[in-house]
PDB file of all heavy atoms in Angstrom:
ATOM      1  N   LEU A   1       6.871   1.624 -24.953  1.00  0.00           N
ATOM      2  CA  LEU A   1       6.012   2.657 -24.373  1.00  0.00           C
ATOM      3  C   LEU A   1       6.416   4.017 -24.926  1.00  0.00           C
ATOM      4  O   LEU A   1       7.580   4.385 -24.909  1.00  0.00           O
ATOM      5  CB  LEU A   1       6.123   2.658 -22.852  1.00  0.00           C
ATOM      6  CG  LEU A   1       5.714   1.357 -22.166  1.00  0.00           C
ATOM      7  CD1 LEU A   1       5.890   1.476 -20.662  1.00  0.00           C
ATOM      8  CD2 LEU A   1       4.286   0.994 -22.501  1.00  0.00           C
ATOM      9  N   GLY A   2       5.430   4.768 -25.392  1.00  0.00           N
ATOM     10  CA  GLY A   2       5.736   6.063 -25.963  1.00  0.00           C
ATOM     11  C   GLY A   2       5.100   7.226 -25.234  1.00  0.00           C
ATOM     12  O   GLY A   2       5.685   8.288 -25.096  1.00  0.00           O
ATOM     13  N   GLU A   3       3.889   7.051 -24.756  1.00  0.00           N
ATOM     14  CA  GLU A   3       3.127   8.191 -24.250  1.00  0.00           C
ATOM     15  C   GLU A   3       2.825   8.138 -22.759  1.00  0.00           C
ATOM     16  O   GLU A   3       2.158   9.023 -22.259  1.00  0.00           O
ATOM     17  CB  GLU A   3       1.800   8.292 -25.011  1.00  0.00           C
ATOM     18  CG  GLU A   3       1.960   8.483 -26.504  1.00  0.00           C
ATOM     19  CD  GLU A   3       2.710   9.761 -26.862  1.00  0.00           C
ATOM     20  OE1 GLU A   3       2.648  10.726 -26.088  1.00  0.00           O
ATOM     21  OE2 GLU A   3       3.362   9.774 -27.909  1.00  0.00           O
ATOM     22  N   ILE A   4       3.304   7.142 -22.086  1.00  0.00           N
ATOM     23  CA  ILE A   4       2.887   6.990 -20.694  1.00  0.00           C
ATOM     24  C   ILE A   4       4.094   6.925 -19.767  1.00  0.00           C
ATOM     25  O   ILE A   4       5.112   6.345 -20.099  1.00  0.00           O
ATOM     26  CB  ILE A   4       1.988   5.742 -20.544  1.00  0.00           C
ATOM     27  CG1 ILE A   4       1.198   5.810 -19.263  1.00  0.00           C
ATOM     28  CG2 ILE A   4       2.772   4.473 -20.638  1.00  0.00           C
ATOM     29  CD1 ILE A   4      -0.031   4.949 -19.283  1.00  0.00           C
ATOM     30  N   ALA A   5       3.955   7.564 -18.640  1.00  0.00           N
ATOM     31  CA  ALA A   5       5.007   7.525 -17.618  1.00  0.00           C
ATOM     32  C   ALA A   5       4.679   6.419 -16.621  1.00  0.00           C
ATOM     33  O   ALA A   5       3.539   5.960 -16.521  1.00  0.00           O
ATOM     34  CB  ALA A   5       5.087   8.868 -16.906  1.00  0.00           C
ATOM     35  N   ILE A   6       5.691   6.006 -15.897  1.00  0.00           N
ATOM     36  CA  ILE A   6       5.547   4.941 -14.911  1.00  0.00           C
ATOM     37  C   ILE A   6       5.668   5.546 -13.509  1.00  0.00           C
ATOM     38  O   ILE A   6       6.577   6.322 -13.235  1.00  0.00           O
ATOM     39  CB  ILE A   6       6.633   3.859 -15.095  1.00  0.00           C
ATOM     40  CG1 ILE A   6       6.582   3.275 -16.517  1.00  0.00           C
ATOM     41  CG2 ILE A   6       6.525   2.778 -14.038  1.00  0.00           C
ATOM     42  CD1 ILE A   6       5.290   2.579 -16.878  1.00  0.00           C
ATOM     43  N   ALA A   7       4.736   5.200 -12.641  1.00  0.00           N
ATOM     44  CA  ALA A   7       4.797   5.605 -11.234  1.00  0.00           C
ATOM     45  C   ALA A   7       4.700   4.348 -10.380  1.00  0.00           C
ATOM     46  O   ALA A   7       4.063   3.373 -10.771  1.00  0.00           O
ATOM     47  CB  ALA A   7       3.645   6.557 -10.902  1.00  0.00           C
ATOM     48  N   ARG A   8       5.350   4.387  -9.235  1.00  0.00           N
ATOM     49  CA  ARG A   8       5.325   3.252  -8.297  1.00  0.00           C
ATOM     50  C   ARG A   8       5.000   3.776  -6.909  1.00  0.00           C
ATOM     51  O   ARG A   8       5.511   4.808  -6.498  1.00  0.00           O
ATOM     52  CB  ARG A   8       6.683   2.551  -8.255  1.00  0.00           C
ATOM     53  CG  ARG A   8       7.116   1.895  -9.536  1.00  0.00           C
ATOM     54  CD  ARG A   8       8.572   1.432  -9.416  1.00  0.00           C
ATOM     55  NE  ARG A   8       9.042   0.732 -10.588  1.00  0.00           N
ATOM     56  CZ  ARG A   8       9.573   1.320 -11.639  1.00  0.00           C
ATOM     57  NH1 ARG A   8       9.698   2.625 -11.669  1.00  0.00           N
ATOM     58  NH2 ARG A   8       9.977   0.614 -12.666  1.00  0.00           N
ATOM     59  N   ASP A   9       4.177   3.018  -6.197  1.00  0.00           N
ATOM     60  CA  ASP A   9       3.874   3.388  -4.815  1.00  0.00           C
ATOM     61  C   ASP A   9       3.360   2.147  -4.093  1.00  0.00           C
ATOM     62  O   ASP A   9       3.116   1.109  -4.702  1.00  0.00           O
ATOM     63  CB  ASP A   9       2.834   4.502  -4.751  1.00  0.00           C
ATOM     64  CG  ASP A   9       2.842   5.247  -3.421  1.00  0.00           C
ATOM     65  OD1 ASP A   9       3.715   4.957  -2.568  1.00  0.00           O
ATOM     66  OD2 ASP A   9       1.985   6.117  -3.220  1.00  0.00           O
ATOM     67  N   ASN A  10       3.223   2.278  -2.787  1.00  0.00           N
ATOM     68  CA  ASN A  10       2.630   1.245  -1.955  1.00  0.00           C
ATOM     69  C   ASN A  10       1.358   1.800  -1.338  1.00  0.00           C
ATOM     70  O   ASN A  10       1.240   3.009  -1.130  1.00  0.00           O
ATOM     71  CB  ASN A  10       3.584   0.834  -0.827  1.00  0.00           C
ATOM     72  CG  ASN A  10       4.794   0.111  -1.356  1.00  0.00           C
ATOM     73  OD1 ASN A  10       4.677  -0.840  -2.107  1.00  0.00           O
ATOM     74  ND2 ASN A  10       5.971   0.573  -0.970  1.00  0.00           N
ATOM     75  N   ILE A  11       0.421   0.920  -1.030  1.00  0.00           N
ATOM     76  CA  ILE A  11      -0.789   1.364  -0.344  1.00  0.00           C
ATOM     77  C   ILE A  11      -0.428   1.784   1.077  1.00  0.00           C
ATOM     78  O   ILE A  11      -0.821   2.850   1.542  1.00  0.00           O
ATOM     79  CB  ILE A  11      -1.863   0.255  -0.343  1.00  0.00           C
ATOM     80  CG1 ILE A  11      -2.288  -0.069  -1.780  1.00  0.00           C
ATOM     81  CG2 ILE A  11      -3.071   0.685   0.493  1.00  0.00           C
ATOM     82  CD1 ILE A  11      -3.220  -1.259  -1.919  1.00  0.00           C
ATOM     83  N   ILE A  12       0.325   0.958   1.771  1.00  0.00           N
ATOM     84  CA  ILE A  12       0.783   1.267   3.131  1.00  0.00           C
ATOM     85  C   ILE A  12       2.264   1.634   3.043  1.00  0.00           C
ATOM     86  O   ILE A  12       3.049   0.893   2.463  1.00  0.00           O
ATOM     87  CB  ILE A  12       0.566   0.070   4.081  1.00  0.00           C
ATOM     88  CG1 ILE A  12      -0.926  -0.244   4.203  1.00  0.00           C
ATOM     89  CG2 ILE A  12       1.159   0.358   5.457  1.00  0.00           C
ATOM     90  CD1 ILE A  12      -1.245  -1.450   5.081  1.00  0.00           C
ATOM     91  N   PRO A  13       2.657   2.780   3.606  1.00  0.00           N
ATOM     92  CA  PRO A  13       4.029   3.262   3.423  1.00  0.00           C
ATOM     93  C   PRO A  13       5.114   2.511   4.191  1.00  0.00           C
ATOM     94  O   PRO A  13       6.298   2.746   3.961  1.00  0.00           O
ATOM     95  CB  PRO A  13       3.952   4.715   3.895  1.00  0.00           C
ATOM     96  CG  PRO A  13       2.800   4.750   4.831  1.00  0.00           C
ATOM     97  CD  PRO A  13       1.829   3.720   4.344  1.00  0.00           C
ATOM     98  N   GLY A  14       4.749   1.623   5.073  1.00  0.00           N
ATOM     99  CA  GLY A  14       5.757   0.907   5.855  1.00  0.00           C
ATOM    100  C   GLY A  14       5.402  -0.550   6.013  1.00  0.00           C
ATOM    101  O   GLY A  14       4.341  -0.997   5.574  1.00  0.00           O
ATOM    102  N   PRO A  15       6.273  -1.301   6.631  1.00  0.00           N
ATOM    103  CA  PRO A  15       6.017  -2.735   6.808  1.00  0.00           C
ATOM    104  C   PRO A  15       4.900  -2.999   7.814  1.00  0.00           C
ATOM    105  O   PRO A  15       4.582  -2.168   8.653  1.00  0.00           O
ATOM    106  CB  PRO A  15       7.352  -3.282   7.309  1.00  0.00           C
ATOM    107  CG  PRO A  15       8.044  -2.117   7.919  1.00  0.00           C
ATOM    108  CD  PRO A  15       7.565  -0.896   7.190  1.00  0.00           C
ATOM    109  N   VAL A  16       4.313  -4.174   7.702  1.00  0.00           N
ATOM    110  CA  VAL A  16       3.273  -4.627   8.624  1.00  0.00           C
ATOM    111  C   VAL A  16       3.845  -5.834   9.360  1.00  0.00           C
ATOM    112  O   VAL A  16       4.464  -6.704   8.758  1.00  0.00           O
ATOM    113  CB  VAL A  16       1.990  -5.026   7.846  1.00  0.00           C
ATOM    114  CG1 VAL A  16       0.941  -5.604   8.777  1.00  0.00           C
ATOM    115  CG2 VAL A  16       1.443  -3.822   7.090  1.00  0.00           C
ATOM    116  N   PHE A  17       3.632  -5.882  10.663  1.00  0.00           N
ATOM    117  CA  PHE A  17       4.173  -6.965  11.481  1.00  0.00           C
ATOM    118  C   PHE A  17       3.041  -7.726  12.153  1.00  0.00           C
ATOM    119  O   PHE A  17       2.048  -7.135  12.580  1.00  0.00           O
ATOM    120  CB  PHE A  17       5.124  -6.416  12.551  1.00  0.00           C
ATOM    121  CG  PHE A  17       6.321  -5.744  11.964  1.00  0.00           C
ATOM    122  CD1 PHE A  17       6.346  -4.373  11.788  1.00  0.00           C
ATOM    123  CD2 PHE A  17       7.427  -6.484  11.565  1.00  0.00           C
ATOM    124  CE1 PHE A  17       7.449  -3.743  11.225  1.00  0.00           C
ATOM    125  CE2 PHE A  17       8.528  -5.868  11.003  1.00  0.00           C
ATOM    126  CZ  PHE A  17       8.546  -4.492  10.830  1.00  0.00           C
ATOM    127  N   GLY A  18       3.208  -9.029  12.252  1.00  0.00           N
ATOM    128  CA  GLY A  18       2.248  -9.878  12.944  1.00  0.00           C
ATOM    129  C   GLY A  18       2.454  -9.807  14.447  1.00  0.00           C
ATOM    130  O   GLY A  18       3.375  -9.140  14.942  1.00  0.00           O
ATOM    131  N   GLN A  19       1.621 -10.510  15.186  1.00  0.00           N
ATOM    132  CA  GLN A  19       1.722 -10.524  16.641  1.00  0.00           C
ATOM    133  C   GLN A  19       3.051 -11.096  17.112  1.00  0.00           C
ATOM    134  O   GLN A  19       3.527 -10.765  18.196  1.00  0.00           O
ATOM    135  CB  GLN A  19       0.573 -11.327  17.244  1.00  0.00           C
ATOM    136  CG  GLN A  19      -0.764 -10.666  17.048  1.00  0.00           C
ATOM    137  CD  GLN A  19      -1.904 -11.517  17.597  1.00  0.00           C
ATOM    138  OE1 GLN A  19      -1.737 -12.685  17.915  1.00  0.00           O
ATOM    139  NE2 GLN A  19      -3.076 -10.915  17.697  1.00  0.00           N
ATOM    140  N   ASN A  20       3.662 -11.917  16.285  1.00  0.00           N
ATOM    141  CA  ASN A  20       4.944 -12.515  16.639  1.00  0.00           C
ATOM    142  C   ASN A  20       6.136 -11.631  16.264  1.00  0.00           C
ATOM    143  O   ASN A  20       7.281 -12.024  16.434  1.00  0.00           O
ATOM    144  CB  ASN A  20       5.082 -13.881  15.967  1.00  0.00           C
ATOM    145  CG  ASN A  20       4.944 -13.788  14.459  1.00  0.00           C
ATOM    146  OD1 ASN A  20       4.784 -12.705  13.902  1.00  0.00           O
ATOM    147  ND2 ASN A  20       4.984 -14.933  13.796  1.00  0.00           N
ATOM    148  N   GLY A  21       5.851 -10.440  15.724  1.00  0.00           N
ATOM    149  CA  GLY A  21       6.917  -9.513  15.352  1.00  0.00           C
ATOM    150  C   GLY A  21       7.529  -9.767  13.995  1.00  0.00           C
ATOM    151  O   GLY A  21       8.453  -9.079  13.586  1.00  0.00           O
ATOM    152  N   ILE A  22       6.995 -10.740  13.270  1.00  0.00           N
ATOM    153  CA  ILE A  22       7.504 -11.076  11.941  1.00  0.00           C
ATOM    154  C   ILE A  22       6.791 -10.218  10.888  1.00  0.00           C
ATOM    155  O   ILE A  22       5.567 -10.071  10.924  1.00  0.00           O
ATOM    156  CB  ILE A  22       7.276 -12.576  11.626  1.00  0.00           C
ATOM    157  CG1 ILE A  22       7.916 -13.461  12.689  1.00  0.00           C
ATOM    158  CG2 ILE A  22       7.758 -12.934  10.238  1.00  0.00           C
ATOM    159  CD1 ILE A  22       9.416 -13.435  12.707  1.00  0.00           C
ATOM    160  N   GLU A  23       7.575  -9.691   9.945  1.00  0.00           N
ATOM    161  CA  GLU A  23       7.008  -8.900   8.860  1.00  0.00           C
ATOM    162  C   GLU A  23       6.100  -9.781   8.007  1.00  0.00           C
ATOM    163  O   GLU A  23       6.409 -10.931   7.731  1.00  0.00           O
ATOM    164  CB  GLU A  23       8.154  -8.336   8.014  1.00  0.00           C
ATOM    165  CG  GLU A  23       7.739  -7.293   7.033  1.00  0.00           C
ATOM    166  CD  GLU A  23       8.926  -6.620   6.356  1.00  0.00           C
ATOM    167  OE1 GLU A  23      10.083  -6.841   6.769  1.00  0.00           O
ATOM    168  OE2 GLU A  23       8.684  -5.874   5.412  1.00  0.00           O
ATOM    169  N   ARG A  24       4.942  -9.237   7.610  1.00  0.00           N
ATOM    170  CA  ARG A  24       3.975  -9.998   6.832  1.00  0.00           C
ATOM    171  C   ARG A  24       3.232  -9.061   5.888  1.00  0.00           C
ATOM    172  O   ARG A  24       3.334  -7.836   5.995  1.00  0.00           O
ATOM    173  CB  ARG A  24       2.979 -10.701   7.742  1.00  0.00           C
ATOM    174  CG  ARG A  24       2.158  -9.715   8.557  1.00  0.00           C
ATOM    175  CD  ARG A  24       1.026 -10.382   9.309  1.00  0.00           C
ATOM    176  NE  ARG A  24       0.281  -9.445  10.124  1.00  0.00           N
ATOM    177  CZ  ARG A  24      -0.643  -8.596   9.681  1.00  0.00           C
ATOM    178  NH1 ARG A  24      -0.944  -8.546   8.406  1.00  0.00           N
ATOM    179  NH2 ARG A  24      -1.268  -7.786  10.513  1.00  0.00           N
ATOM    180  N   ASN A  25       2.489  -9.656   4.970  1.00  0.00           N
ATOM    181  CA  ASN A  25       1.651  -8.865   4.075  1.00  0.00           C
ATOM    182  C   ASN A  25       0.377  -8.452   4.809  1.00  0.00           C
ATOM    183  O   ASN A  25      -0.146  -9.203   5.631  1.00  0.00           O
ATOM    184  CB  ASN A  25       1.281  -9.664   2.825  1.00  0.00           C
ATOM    185  CG  ASN A  25       2.434  -9.756   1.862  1.00  0.00           C
ATOM    186  OD1 ASN A  25       3.239  -8.832   1.753  1.00  0.00           O
ATOM    187  ND2 ASN A  25       2.536 -10.860   1.167  1.00  0.00           N
ATOM    188  N   PRO A  26      -0.147  -7.284   4.503  1.00  0.00           N
ATOM    189  CA  PRO A  26      -1.363  -6.816   5.162  1.00  0.00           C
ATOM    190  C   PRO A  26      -2.609  -7.513   4.613  1.00  0.00           C
ATOM    191  O   PRO A  26      -2.617  -8.019   3.493  1.00  0.00           O
ATOM    192  CB  PRO A  26      -1.398  -5.323   4.822  1.00  0.00           C
ATOM    193  CG  PRO A  26      -0.632  -5.210   3.548  1.00  0.00           C
ATOM    194  CD  PRO A  26       0.417  -6.280   3.601  1.00  0.00           C
ATOM    195  N   THR A  27      -3.642  -7.525   5.420  1.00  0.00           N
ATOM    196  CA  THR A  27      -4.937  -8.035   4.986  1.00  0.00           C
ATOM    197  C   THR A  27      -5.668  -6.917   4.243  1.00  0.00           C
ATOM    198  O   THR A  27      -5.303  -5.739   4.345  1.00  0.00           O
ATOM    199  CB  THR A  27      -5.799  -8.471   6.180  1.00  0.00           C
ATOM    200  OG1 THR A  27      -6.108  -7.307   6.960  1.00  0.00           O
ATOM    201  CG2 THR A  27      -5.079  -9.504   7.030  1.00  0.00           C
ATOM    202  N   TRP A  28      -6.735  -7.271   3.550  1.00  0.00           N
ATOM    203  CA  TRP A  28      -7.490  -6.244   2.829  1.00  0.00           C
ATOM    204  C   TRP A  28      -8.075  -5.225   3.805  1.00  0.00           C
ATOM    205  O   TRP A  28      -8.145  -4.041   3.501  1.00  0.00           O
ATOM    206  CB  TRP A  28      -8.578  -6.874   1.955  1.00  0.00           C
ATOM    207  CG  TRP A  28      -9.734  -7.454   2.726  1.00  0.00           C
ATOM    208  CD1 TRP A  28      -9.844  -8.718   3.205  1.00  0.00           C
ATOM    209  CD2 TRP A  28     -10.914  -6.774   3.119  1.00  0.00           C
ATOM    210  NE1 TRP A  28     -11.022  -8.867   3.877  1.00  0.00           N
ATOM    211  CE2 TRP A  28     -11.708  -7.694   3.830  1.00  0.00           C
ATOM    212  CE3 TRP A  28     -11.393  -5.481   2.933  1.00  0.00           C
ATOM    213  CZ2 TRP A  28     -12.951  -7.354   4.364  1.00  0.00           C
ATOM    214  CZ3 TRP A  28     -12.630  -5.145   3.461  1.00  0.00           C
ATOM    215  CH2 TRP A  28     -13.400  -6.076   4.166  1.00  0.00           C
ATOM    216  N   ALA A  29      -8.471  -5.669   4.983  1.00  0.00           N
ATOM    217  CA  ALA A  29      -9.045  -4.749   5.976  1.00  0.00           C
ATOM    218  C   ALA A  29      -7.994  -3.753   6.472  1.00  0.00           C
ATOM    219  O   ALA A  29      -8.315  -2.594   6.750  1.00  0.00           O
ATOM    220  CB  ALA A  29      -9.636  -5.537   7.139  1.00  0.00           C
ATOM    221  N   GLU A  30      -6.745  -4.185   6.575  1.00  0.00           N
ATOM    222  CA  GLU A  30      -5.672  -3.270   6.964  1.00  0.00           C
ATOM    223  C   GLU A  30      -5.337  -2.292   5.835  1.00  0.00           C
ATOM    224  O   GLU A  30      -4.925  -1.164   6.080  1.00  0.00           O
ATOM    225  CB  GLU A  30      -4.415  -4.059   7.342  1.00  0.00           C
ATOM    226  CG  GLU A  30      -4.565  -4.835   8.628  1.00  0.00           C
ATOM    227  CD  GLU A  30      -3.433  -5.818   8.858  1.00  0.00           C
ATOM    228  OE1 GLU A  30      -2.942  -6.436   7.893  1.00  0.00           O
ATOM    229  OE2 GLU A  30      -3.056  -5.974  10.043  1.00  0.00           O
ATOM    230  N   LEU A  31      -5.511  -2.740   4.599  1.00  0.00           N
ATOM    231  CA  LEU A  31      -5.244  -1.874   3.449  1.00  0.00           C
ATOM    232  C   LEU A  31      -6.311  -0.792   3.286  1.00  0.00           C
ATOM    233  O   LEU A  31      -6.027   0.303   2.801  1.00  0.00           O
ATOM    234  CB  LEU A  31      -5.186  -2.697   2.163  1.00  0.00           C
ATOM    235  CG  LEU A  31      -4.032  -3.660   2.002  1.00  0.00           C
ATOM    236  CD1 LEU A  31      -4.233  -4.514   0.758  1.00  0.00           C
ATOM    237  CD2 LEU A  31      -2.712  -2.927   1.940  1.00  0.00           C
ATOM    238  N   LEU A  32      -7.528  -1.107   3.675  1.00  0.00           N
ATOM    239  CA  LEU A  32      -8.674  -0.253   3.395  1.00  0.00           C
ATOM    240  C   LEU A  32      -8.506   1.202   3.832  1.00  0.00           C
ATOM    241  O   LEU A  32      -8.675   2.105   3.005  1.00  0.00           O
ATOM    242  CB  LEU A  32      -9.927  -0.873   4.008  1.00  0.00           C
ATOM    243  CG  LEU A  32     -11.259  -0.492   3.424  1.00  0.00           C
ATOM    244  CD1 LEU A  32     -11.308  -0.691   1.918  1.00  0.00           C
ATOM    245  CD2 LEU A  32     -12.364  -1.294   4.081  1.00  0.00           C
ATOM    246  N   PRO A  33      -8.156   1.513   5.083  1.00  0.00           N
ATOM    247  CA  PRO A  33      -8.046   2.927   5.453  1.00  0.00           C
ATOM    248  C   PRO A  33      -6.929   3.654   4.696  1.00  0.00           C
ATOM    249  O   PRO A  33      -7.062   4.826   4.342  1.00  0.00           O
ATOM    250  CB  PRO A  33      -7.772   2.911   6.958  1.00  0.00           C
ATOM    251  CG  PRO A  33      -7.470   1.509   7.321  1.00  0.00           C
ATOM    252  CD  PRO A  33      -7.948   0.629   6.221  1.00  0.00           C
ATOM    253  N   TRP A  34      -5.832   2.951   4.427  1.00  0.00           N
ATOM    254  CA  TRP A  34      -4.729   3.570   3.683  1.00  0.00           C
ATOM    255  C   TRP A  34      -5.131   3.796   2.231  1.00  0.00           C
ATOM    256  O   TRP A  34      -4.823   4.843   1.661  1.00  0.00           O
ATOM    257  CB  TRP A  34      -3.483   2.692   3.756  1.00  0.00           C
ATOM    258  CG  TRP A  34      -2.879   2.652   5.112  1.00  0.00           C
ATOM    259  CD1 TRP A  34      -3.114   1.730   6.084  1.00  0.00           C
ATOM    260  CD2 TRP A  34      -1.953   3.573   5.665  1.00  0.00           C
ATOM    261  NE1 TRP A  34      -2.372   2.016   7.204  1.00  0.00           N
ATOM    262  CE2 TRP A  34      -1.655   3.149   6.965  1.00  0.00           C
ATOM    263  CE3 TRP A  34      -1.333   4.727   5.170  1.00  0.00           C
ATOM    264  CZ2 TRP A  34      -0.774   3.833   7.793  1.00  0.00           C
ATOM    265  CZ3 TRP A  34      -0.450   5.410   5.992  1.00  0.00           C
ATOM    266  CH2 TRP A  34      -0.185   4.954   7.283  1.00  0.00           C
ATOM    267  N   LEU A  35      -5.805   2.816   1.633  1.00  0.00           N
ATOM    268  CA  LEU A  35      -6.233   2.944   0.245  1.00  0.00           C
ATOM    269  C   LEU A  35      -7.274   4.049   0.112  1.00  0.00           C
ATOM    270  O   LEU A  35      -7.253   4.827  -0.842  1.00  0.00           O
ATOM    271  CB  LEU A  35      -6.801   1.607  -0.249  1.00  0.00           C
ATOM    272  CG  LEU A  35      -7.221   1.544  -1.716  1.00  0.00           C
ATOM    273  CD1 LEU A  35      -6.057   1.897  -2.640  1.00  0.00           C
ATOM    274  CD2 LEU A  35      -7.770   0.168  -2.052  1.00  0.00           C
ATOM    275  N   ARG A  36      -8.156   4.143   1.079  1.00  0.00           N
ATOM    276  CA  ARG A  36      -9.202   5.175   1.067  1.00  0.00           C
ATOM    277  C   ARG A  36      -8.582   6.571   1.001  1.00  0.00           C
ATOM    278  O   ARG A  36      -9.103   7.453   0.319  1.00  0.00           O
ATOM    279  CB  ARG A  36     -10.061   5.034   2.323  1.00  0.00           C
ATOM    280  CG  ARG A  36     -11.248   5.965   2.363  1.00  0.00           C
ATOM    281  CD  ARG A  36     -12.101   5.716   3.597  1.00  0.00           C
ATOM    282  NE  ARG A  36     -12.945   4.534   3.388  1.00  0.00           N
ATOM    283  CZ  ARG A  36     -12.925   3.443   4.153  1.00  0.00           C
ATOM    284  NH1 ARG A  36     -12.117   3.371   5.198  1.00  0.00           N
ATOM    285  NH2 ARG A  36     -13.715   2.433   3.901  1.00  0.00           N
ATOM    286  N   ASP A  37      -7.447   6.776   1.672  1.00  0.00           N
ATOM    287  CA  ASP A  37      -6.803   8.092   1.725  1.00  0.00           C
ATOM    288  C   ASP A  37      -5.648   8.248   0.745  1.00  0.00           C
ATOM    289  O   ASP A  37      -4.957   9.271   0.769  1.00  0.00           O
ATOM    290  CB  ASP A  37      -6.285   8.352   3.144  1.00  0.00           C
ATOM    291  CG  ASP A  37      -7.413   8.472   4.158  1.00  0.00           C
ATOM    292  OD1 ASP A  37      -8.534   8.855   3.765  1.00  0.00           O
ATOM    293  OD2 ASP A  37      -7.180   8.173   5.341  1.00  0.00           O
ATOM    294  N   HIS A  38      -5.415   7.261  -0.100  1.00  0.00           N
ATOM    295  CA  HIS A  38      -4.265   7.292  -1.010  1.00  0.00           C
ATOM    296  C   HIS A  38      -4.399   8.429  -2.031  1.00  0.00           C
ATOM    297  O   HIS A  38      -5.504   8.766  -2.448  1.00  0.00           O
ATOM    298  CB  HIS A  38      -4.135   5.955  -1.736  1.00  0.00           C
ATOM    299  CG  HIS A  38      -2.796   5.735  -2.338  1.00  0.00           C
ATOM    300  ND1 HIS A  38      -2.453   6.237  -3.565  1.00  0.00           N
ATOM    301  CD2 HIS A  38      -1.709   5.088  -1.885  1.00  0.00           C
ATOM    302  CE1 HIS A  38      -1.208   5.901  -3.853  1.00  0.00           C
ATOM    303  NE2 HIS A  38      -0.736   5.199  -2.834  1.00  0.00           N
ATOM    304  N   TRP A  39      -3.267   9.007  -2.435  1.00  0.00           N
ATOM    305  CA  TRP A  39      -3.270  10.104  -3.404  1.00  0.00           C
ATOM    306  C   TRP A  39      -3.831   9.716  -4.765  1.00  0.00           C
ATOM    307  O   TRP A  39      -4.219  10.583  -5.553  1.00  0.00           O
ATOM    308  CB  TRP A  39      -1.867  10.695  -3.566  1.00  0.00           C
ATOM    309  CG  TRP A  39      -0.809   9.731  -4.035  1.00  0.00           C
ATOM    310  CD1 TRP A  39       0.077   9.048  -3.262  1.00  0.00           C
ATOM    311  CD2 TRP A  39      -0.538   9.334  -5.389  1.00  0.00           C
ATOM    312  NE1 TRP A  39       0.884   8.243  -4.042  1.00  0.00           N
ATOM    313  CE2 TRP A  39       0.529   8.412  -5.351  1.00  0.00           C
ATOM    314  CE3 TRP A  39      -1.085   9.654  -6.625  1.00  0.00           C
ATOM    315  CZ2 TRP A  39       1.049   7.813  -6.498  1.00  0.00           C
ATOM    316  CZ3 TRP A  39      -0.565   9.062  -7.769  1.00  0.00           C
ATOM    317  CH2 TRP A  39       0.496   8.155  -7.694  1.00  0.00           C
ATOM    318  N   LEU A  40      -3.912   8.442  -5.070  1.00  0.00           N
ATOM    319  CA  LEU A  40      -4.369   8.027  -6.397  1.00  0.00           C
ATOM    320  C   LEU A  40      -5.769   8.546  -6.708  1.00  0.00           C
ATOM    321  O   LEU A  40      -6.107   8.796  -7.864  1.00  0.00           O
ATOM    322  CB  LEU A  40      -4.297   6.505  -6.580  1.00  0.00           C
ATOM    323  CG  LEU A  40      -5.268   5.607  -5.814  1.00  0.00           C
ATOM    324  CD1 LEU A  40      -6.583   5.425  -6.562  1.00  0.00           C
ATOM    325  CD2 LEU A  40      -4.637   4.263  -5.574  1.00  0.00           C
ATOM    326  N   TRP A  41      -6.596   8.741  -5.690  1.00  0.00           N
ATOM    327  CA  TRP A  41      -7.965   9.212  -5.913  1.00  0.00           C
ATOM    328  C   TRP A  41      -7.995  10.687  -6.310  1.00  0.00           C
ATOM    329  O   TRP A  41      -8.994  11.159  -6.837  1.00  0.00           O
ATOM    330  CB  TRP A  41      -8.815   8.999  -4.663  1.00  0.00           C
ATOM    331  CG  TRP A  41      -8.826   7.584  -4.210  1.00  0.00           C
ATOM    332  CD1 TRP A  41      -8.205   7.078  -3.104  1.00  0.00           C
ATOM    333  CD2 TRP A  41      -9.452   6.469  -4.847  1.00  0.00           C
ATOM    334  NE1 TRP A  41      -8.419   5.719  -3.018  1.00  0.00           N
ATOM    335  CE2 TRP A  41      -9.182   5.319  -4.075  1.00  0.00           C
ATOM    336  CE3 TRP A  41     -10.220   6.334  -6.006  1.00  0.00           C
ATOM    337  CZ2 TRP A  41      -9.651   4.060  -4.421  1.00  0.00           C
ATOM    338  CZ3 TRP A  41     -10.686   5.064  -6.347  1.00  0.00           C
ATOM    339  CH2 TRP A  41     -10.411   3.957  -5.557  1.00  0.00           C
ATOM    340  N   ARG A  42      -6.908  11.416  -6.046  1.00  0.00           N
ATOM    341  CA  ARG A  42      -6.846  12.841  -6.362  1.00  0.00           C
ATOM    342  C   ARG A  42      -5.993  13.134  -7.594  1.00  0.00           C
ATOM    343  O   ARG A  42      -5.828  14.283  -7.965  1.00  0.00           O
ATOM    344  CB  ARG A  42      -6.287  13.610  -5.154  1.00  0.00           C
ATOM    345  CG  ARG A  42      -7.158  13.486  -3.909  1.00  0.00           C
ATOM    346  CD  ARG A  42      -6.579  14.214  -2.710  1.00  0.00           C
ATOM    347  NE  ARG A  42      -5.299  13.710  -2.243  1.00  0.00           N
ATOM    348  CZ  ARG A  42      -5.119  12.627  -1.483  1.00  0.00           C
ATOM    349  NH1 ARG A  42      -6.155  11.924  -1.101  1.00  0.00           N
ATOM    350  NH2 ARG A  42      -3.916  12.252  -1.102  1.00  0.00           N
TER     351      ARG A  42
END
């Protein structure tokens, strides 16, 4: 890589927990409001 920088981020800034209190991956519907407001669009 010569001309491009690398950036890393998450759509949701913290963990997501299920009803049982276990950490899990978010659904697309849970991602939607966070993705809508993410800095990547600006």
